[in-house]
């Protein structure tokens, strides 16, 4: 009987670890996208600067949301 409980607990912990890794990797991906968009904006030709800047700002927004999601996950994981 203890083995079943142990297996269930282990599965729940692994699911939590997977979710944690997913939210972290999402944040890291969005952070890298910010870097890439920033570099593109800084070297953009005069005619493409506005669009490049808009893409950079959009990337910043996505990164902020991803960071918030990761923070939320970590804060709730501490409580559990």
Protein backbone atom coordinates (compact mmCIF):
# COMPACT_ATOMS: atom_id res chain seq x y z
CA UNK A 1 0.00 0.00 0.00
CA UNK A 2 2.77 2.44 0.77
CA UNK A 3 4.24 1.81 -2.65
CA UNK A 4 1.10 3.09 -4.35
CA UNK A 5 1.11 6.25 -2.27
CA UNK A 6 4.79 6.73 -2.90
CA UNK A 7 4.34 6.27 -6.65
CA UNK A 8 1.43 8.69 -6.70
CA UNK A 9 3.40 11.29 -4.73
CA UNK A 10 6.39 10.86 -7.02
CA UNK A 11 4.17 11.29 -10.09
CA UNK A 12 2.69 14.48 -8.66
CA UNK A 13 6.17 15.84 -7.89
CA UNK A 14 7.34 15.00 -11.41
CA UNK A 15 4.32 16.75 -12.90
CA UNK A 16 5.13 19.79 -10.78
CA UNK A 17 8.74 19.66 -11.92
CA UNK A 18 7.65 19.43 -15.56
CA UNK A 19 5.33 22.40 -15.13
CA UNK A 20 8.09 24.37 -13.43
CA UNK A 21 10.51 23.58 -16.22
CA UNK A 22 7.93 24.50 -18.86
CA UNK A 23 7.24 27.91 -17.34
CA UNK A 24 10.97 28.57 -16.89
CA UNK A 25 11.78 27.56 -20.47
CA UNK A 26 8.94 29.72 -21.78
CA UNK A 27 10.40 32.71 -19.94
CA UNK A 28 13.92 31.94 -21.24
CA UNK A 29 12.64 31.63 -24.82
CA UNK A 30 10.84 34.96 -24.58
CA UNK A 31 13.93 36.55 -23.01
CA UNK A 32 16.04 35.37 -25.94
CA UNK A 33 13.43 36.74 -28.33
CA UNK A 34 13.78 40.15 -26.65
CA UNK A 35 17.54 40.06 -27.23
CA UNK A 36 17.08 39.08 -30.86
CA UNK A 37 14.46 41.77 -31.52
CA UNK A 38 16.62 44.38 -29.83
CA UNK A 39 19.61 43.50 -32.02
CA UNK A 40 17.40 43.62 -35.12
CA UNK A 41 16.05 47.02 -34.13
CA UNK A 42 19.50 48.49 -33.47
CA UNK A 43 20.76 47.56 -36.94
CA UNK A 44 17.54 48.16 -38.87
CA UNK A 45 17.65 50.42 -41.88
CA UNK A 46 15.87 53.74 -41.52
CA UNK A 47 12.77 52.47 -43.33
CA UNK A 48 12.42 49.42 -41.09
CA UNK A 49 13.13 50.92 -37.68
CA UNK A 50 9.51 51.54 -36.74
CA UNK A 51 8.45 47.96 -37.43
CA UNK A 52 11.57 46.60 -35.72
CA UNK A 53 10.82 48.73 -32.66
CA UNK A 54 7.20 47.51 -32.56
CA UNK A 55 8.45 43.92 -32.67
CA UNK A 56 10.89 44.68 -29.87
CA UNK A 57 8.15 46.17 -27.68
CA UNK A 58 5.88 43.20 -28.39
CA UNK A 59 8.71 40.84 -27.41
CA UNK A 60 9.18 42.78 -24.17
CA UNK A 61 5.47 42.38 -23.41
CA UNK A 62 5.60 38.62 -24.06
CA UNK A 63 8.71 38.27 -21.89
CA UNK A 64 7.06 40.20 -19.07
CA UNK A 65 4.00 37.92 -19.19
CA UNK A 66 6.20 34.82 -19.24
CA UNK A 67 8.25 36.10 -16.30
CA UNK A 68 5.05 36.80 -14.40
CA UNK A 69 3.80 33.29 -15.12
CA UNK A 70 7.03 31.78 -13.87
CA UNK A 71 7.01 33.98 -10.77
CA UNK A 72 3.41 32.99 -10.06
CA UNK A 73 4.28 29.31 -10.40
CA UNK A 74 7.29 29.56 -8.10
CA UNK A 75 5.38 31.51 -5.46
CA UNK A 76 2.61 28.90 -5.39
CA UNK A 77 5.07 26.02 -5.40
CA UNK A 78 6.66 27.38 -2.21
CA UNK A 79 3.32 27.38 -0.44
CA UNK A 80 2.45 23.82 -1.49
